[in-house]
Amino acid sequence: MHSFLYSPTGLLATLVGEAASSFSPILLLFTFAIVATGPTLILSRMIAPRKTPNPVKFLPMESGQVPQGEGRTHFMMQYYSFVLMFVVFDVASIFLYAWGSSILNLPKSATLPIIGFLAIIFAAFAFALYQAGRKDIW
């Protein structure tokens, strides 16, 4: 056996070496990012065209035309309820899939939190359906 493993300094060096080796891919990636970013930024500065600023370029444009009229318009809330139902369904499906895939390994008491979660989800669906029925926000 190696005698340095039994000495306190050898054990510390071994533990530090193991910790450093587990972070070596991350350090290698970070080093590559720094090394690759520097020359890229310098090269783009060297080959970029240098022109005097044109005041027309700082004007607000829309498809090459000077915009006319008001910049802020009324946003139609016609599909708000459908977007809300999609987000609620998406979140519910993620949590229900995770719960359903591990239900055989869970204790019976794990059913109560999912019933509470479903109650909140159904309340959100009810609110979305209520919003879909309101014609005054369209």
C-alpha atoms as a PDB file:
ATOM      1  CA  MET A   1       0.000   0.000   0.000  1.00  0.00           C
ATOM      2  CA  HIS A   2       1.016   3.579  -0.425  1.00  0.00           C
ATOM      3  CA  SER A   3       2.327   5.181   2.714  1.00  0.00           C
ATOM      4  CA  PHE A   4       1.285   8.707   1.720  1.00  0.00           C
ATOM      5  CA  LEU A   5      -2.393   7.733   2.015  1.00  0.00           C
ATOM      6  CA  TYR A   6      -2.020   7.175   5.736  1.00  0.00           C
ATOM      7  CA  SER A   7      -0.271  10.455   6.482  1.00  0.00           C
ATOM      8  CA  PRO A   8      -2.524  13.458   7.146  1.00  0.00           C
ATOM      9  CA  THR A   9      -0.969  15.576   4.396  1.00  0.00           C
ATOM     10  CA  GLY A  10      -1.136  12.719   1.895  1.00  0.00           C
ATOM     11  CA  LEU A  11      -4.802  12.115   2.652  1.00  0.00           C
ATOM     12  CA  LEU A  12      -5.586  15.816   2.262  1.00  0.00           C
ATOM     13  CA  ALA A  13      -3.711  15.932  -1.040  1.00  0.00           C
ATOM     14  CA  THR A  14      -5.615  12.880  -2.249  1.00  0.00           C
ATOM     15  CA  LEU A  15      -8.982  14.406  -1.309  1.00  0.00           C
ATOM     16  CA  VAL A  16      -8.112  17.714  -2.961  1.00  0.00           C
ATOM     17  CA  GLY A  17      -6.954  15.870  -6.069  1.00  0.00           C
ATOM     18  CA  GLU A  18     -10.206  13.920  -6.271  1.00  0.00           C
ATOM     19  CA  ALA A  19     -12.253  17.091  -5.859  1.00  0.00           C
ATOM     20  CA  ALA A  20     -10.220  18.885  -8.509  1.00  0.00           C
ATOM     21  CA  SER A  21     -10.547  15.981 -10.919  1.00  0.00           C
ATOM     22  CA  SER A  22     -14.322  15.987 -10.576  1.00  0.00           C
ATOM     23  CA  PHE A  23     -14.424  19.674 -11.554  1.00  0.00           C
ATOM     24  CA  SER A  24     -11.877  19.381 -14.347  1.00  0.00           C
ATOM     25  CA  PRO A  25     -14.441  19.180 -17.206  1.00  0.00           C
ATOM     26  CA  ILE A  26     -16.127  22.339 -15.928  1.00  0.00           C
ATOM     27  CA  LEU A  27     -12.811  24.142 -15.571  1.00  0.00           C
ATOM     28  CA  LEU A  28     -11.789  22.973 -19.041  1.00  0.00           C
ATOM     29  CA  LEU A  29     -15.019  24.285 -20.536  1.00  0.00           C
ATOM     30  CA  PHE A  30     -14.652  27.623 -18.718  1.00  0.00           C
ATOM     31  CA  THR A  31     -11.049  27.941 -19.925  1.00  0.00           C
ATOM     32  CA  PHE A  32     -12.090  27.160 -23.494  1.00  0.00           C
ATOM     33  CA  ALA A  33     -14.864  29.779 -23.296  1.00  0.00           C
ATOM     34  CA  ILE A  34     -12.416  32.452 -22.124  1.00  0.00           C
ATOM     35  CA  VAL A  35      -9.778  31.511 -24.686  1.00  0.00           C
ATOM     36  CA  ALA A  36     -12.287  31.396 -27.566  1.00  0.00           C
ATOM     37  CA  THR A  37     -14.127  34.588 -26.624  1.00  0.00           C
ATOM     38  CA  GLY A  38     -11.124  36.883 -26.436  1.00  0.00           C
ATOM     39  CA  PRO A  39      -9.800  36.428 -29.982  1.00  0.00           C
ATOM     40  CA  THR A  40     -13.329  36.460 -31.395  1.00  0.00           C
ATOM     41  CA  LEU A  41     -14.077  39.851 -29.871  1.00  0.00           C
ATOM     42  CA  ILE A  42     -10.719  41.268 -30.937  1.00  0.00           C
ATOM     43  CA  LEU A  43     -11.106  39.941 -34.481  1.00  0.00           C
ATOM     44  CA  SER A  44     -14.624  41.352 -34.844  1.00  0.00           C
ATOM     45  CA  ARG A  45     -13.362  44.777 -33.706  1.00  0.00           C
ATOM     46  CA  MET A  46     -10.529  44.638 -36.232  1.00  0.00           C
ATOM     47  CA  ILE A  47     -12.613  43.732 -39.295  1.00  0.00           C
ATOM     48  CA  ALA A  48     -15.788  45.698 -38.479  1.00  0.00           C
ATOM     49  CA  PRO A  49     -16.441  48.618 -40.842  1.00  0.00           C
ATOM     50  CA  ARG A  50     -15.933  52.014 -39.314  1.00  0.00           C
ATOM     51  CA  LYS A  51     -18.482  54.544 -40.468  1.00  0.00           C
ATOM     52  CA  THR A  52     -19.574  57.852 -39.087  1.00  0.00           C
ATOM     53  CA  PRO A  53     -22.953  57.604 -37.369  1.00  0.00           C
ATOM     54  CA  ASN A  54     -25.874  58.596 -39.556  1.00  0.00           C
ATOM     55  CA  PRO A  55     -28.719  60.361 -37.701  1.00  0.00           C
ATOM     56  CA  VAL A  56     -31.299  58.692 -39.952  1.00  0.00           C
ATOM     57  CA  LYS A  57     -30.271  55.302 -38.566  1.00  0.00           C
ATOM     58  CA  PHE A  58     -31.363  56.368 -35.082  1.00  0.00           C
ATOM     59  CA  LEU A  59     -34.923  57.216 -36.176  1.00  0.00           C
ATOM     60  CA  PRO A  60     -37.674  54.737 -35.361  1.00  0.00           C
ATOM     61  CA  MET A  61     -38.494  52.727 -38.480  1.00  0.00           C
ATOM     62  CA  GLU A  62     -41.040  50.074 -39.267  1.00  0.00           C
ATOM     63  CA  SER A  63     -40.232  47.985 -42.347  1.00  0.00           C
ATOM     64  CA  GLY A  64     -38.224  50.849 -43.781  1.00  0.00           C
ATOM     65  CA  GLN A  65     -41.037  53.380 -43.378  1.00  0.00           C
ATOM     66  CA  VAL A  66     -41.349  56.161 -40.860  1.00  0.00           C
ATOM     67  CA  PRO A  67     -44.178  55.086 -38.506  1.00  0.00           C
ATOM     68  CA  GLN A  68     -47.364  57.145 -38.456  1.00  0.00           C
ATOM     69  CA  GLY A  69     -50.037  57.289 -35.814  1.00  0.00           C
ATOM     70  CA  GLU A  70     -50.055  56.126 -32.226  1.00  0.00           C
ATOM     71  CA  GLY A  71     -47.375  53.677 -31.150  1.00  0.00           C
ATOM     72  CA  ARG A  72     -49.511  52.040 -28.472  1.00  0.00           C
ATOM     73  CA  THR A  73     -52.738  50.380 -29.474  1.00  0.00           C
ATOM     74  CA  HIS A  74     -55.434  48.455 -27.631  1.00  0.00           C
ATOM     75  CA  PHE A  75     -54.461  44.809 -27.222  1.00  0.00           C
ATOM     76  CA  MET A  76     -57.291  42.409 -27.881  1.00  0.00           C
ATOM     77  CA  MET A  77     -57.804  40.006 -24.988  1.00  0.00           C
ATOM     78  CA  GLN A  78     -59.788  37.543 -27.095  1.00  0.00           C
ATOM     79  CA  TYR A  79     -57.406  34.625 -26.617  1.00  0.00           C
ATOM     80  CA  TYR A  80     -56.369  35.369 -23.032  1.00  0.00           C
ATOM     81  CA  SER A  81     -58.495  32.577 -21.596  1.00  0.00           C
ATOM     82  CA  PHE A  82     -57.119  30.011 -24.042  1.00  0.00           C
ATOM     83  CA  VAL A  83     -53.546  30.976 -23.242  1.00  0.00           C
ATOM     84  CA  LEU A  84     -54.321  30.752 -19.544  1.00  0.00           C
ATOM     85  CA  MET A  85     -55.873  27.307 -19.965  1.00  0.00           C
ATOM     86  CA  PHE A  86     -52.867  26.118 -21.957  1.00  0.00           C
ATOM     87  CA  VAL A  87     -50.417  27.237 -19.270  1.00  0.00           C
ATOM     88  CA  VAL A  88     -52.491  25.628 -16.511  1.00  0.00           C
ATOM     89  CA  PHE A  89     -52.813  22.391 -18.481  1.00  0.00           C
ATOM     90  CA  ASP A  90     -49.086  22.383 -19.246  1.00  0.00           C
ATOM     91  CA  VAL A  91     -48.094  22.778 -15.587  1.00  0.00           C
ATOM     92  CA  ALA A  92     -50.651  20.209 -14.497  1.00  0.00           C
ATOM     93  CA  SER A  93     -49.470  17.644 -17.020  1.00  0.00           C
ATOM     94  CA  ILE A  94     -45.834  18.039 -15.942  1.00  0.00           C
ATOM     95  CA  PHE A  95     -46.641  17.469 -12.270  1.00  0.00           C
ATOM     96  CA  LEU A  96     -49.169  14.712 -12.899  1.00  0.00           C
ATOM     97  CA  TYR A  97     -46.729  12.828 -15.136  1.00  0.00           C
ATOM     98  CA  ALA A  98     -44.038  12.951 -12.450  1.00  0.00           C
ATOM     99  CA  TRP A  99     -46.538  11.878  -9.779  1.00  0.00           C
ATOM    100  CA  GLY A 100     -48.050   9.151 -11.929  1.00  0.00           C
ATOM    101  CA  SER A 101     -44.718   7.640 -12.911  1.00  0.00           C
ATOM    102  CA  SER A 102     -43.696   7.213  -9.277  1.00  0.00           C
ATOM    103  CA  ILE A 103     -47.071   6.441  -7.702  1.00  0.00           C
ATOM    104  CA  LEU A 104     -46.205   2.784  -7.047  1.00  0.00           C
ATOM    105  CA  ASN A 105     -43.238   3.829  -4.889  1.00  0.00           C
ATOM    106  CA  LEU A 106     -45.117   6.506  -2.940  1.00  0.00           C
ATOM    107  CA  PRO A 107     -46.979   5.961   0.318  1.00  0.00           C
ATOM    108  CA  LYS A 108     -50.753   6.302   0.417  1.00  0.00           C
ATOM    109  CA  SER A 109     -50.415   9.653   2.190  1.00  0.00           C
ATOM    110  CA  ALA A 110     -48.964  11.128  -1.015  1.00  0.00           C
ATOM    111  CA  THR A 111     -52.465  11.166  -2.488  1.00  0.00           C
ATOM    112  CA  LEU A 112     -53.622  14.082  -0.329  1.00  0.00           C
ATOM    113  CA  PRO A 113     -51.166  16.660  -1.726  1.00  0.00           C
ATOM    114  CA  ILE A 114     -52.023  15.713  -5.310  1.00  0.00           C
ATOM    115  CA  ILE A 115     -55.730  16.118  -4.533  1.00  0.00           C
ATOM    116  CA  GLY A 116     -54.967  19.619  -3.232  1.00  0.00           C
ATOM    117  CA  PHE A 117     -52.919  20.333  -6.346  1.00  0.00           C
ATOM    118  CA  LEU A 118     -55.752  19.177  -8.585  1.00  0.00           C
ATOM    119  CA  ALA A 119     -58.181  21.385  -6.646  1.00  0.00           C
ATOM    120  CA  ILE A 120     -55.980  24.410  -7.362  1.00  0.00           C
ATOM    121  CA  ILE A 121     -55.685  23.401 -11.026  1.00  0.00           C
ATOM    122  CA  PHE A 122     -59.446  22.985 -11.389  1.00  0.00           C
ATOM    123  CA  ALA A 123     -59.957  26.395  -9.772  1.00  0.00           C
ATOM    124  CA  ALA A 124     -57.587  27.916 -12.338  1.00  0.00           C
ATOM    125  CA  PHE A 125     -59.495  26.166 -15.146  1.00  0.00           C
ATOM    126  CA  ALA A 126     -62.764  27.492 -13.760  1.00  0.00           C
ATOM    127  CA  PHE A 127     -61.334  31.025 -13.711  1.00  0.00           C
ATOM    128  CA  ALA A 128     -60.146  30.641 -17.307  1.00  0.00           C
ATOM    129  CA  LEU A 129     -63.563  29.413 -18.399  1.00  0.00           C
ATOM    130  CA  TYR A 130     -65.157  32.322 -16.557  1.00  0.00           C
ATOM    131  CA  GLN A 131     -62.860  34.707 -18.427  1.00  0.00           C
ATOM    132  CA  ALA A 132     -63.774  33.006 -21.724  1.00  0.00           C
ATOM    133  CA  GLY A 133     -67.437  33.743 -21.048  1.00  0.00           C
ATOM    134  CA  ARG A 134     -66.854  37.458 -20.400  1.00  0.00           C
ATOM    135  CA  LYS A 135     -67.496  39.333 -23.620  1.00  0.00           C
ATOM    136  CA  ASP A 136     -66.709  42.765 -22.151  1.00  0.00           C
ATOM    137  CA  ILE A 137     -62.944  42.126 -22.191  1.00  0.00           C
ATOM    138  CA  TRP A 138     -62.905  41.222 -25.872  1.00  0.00           C
END
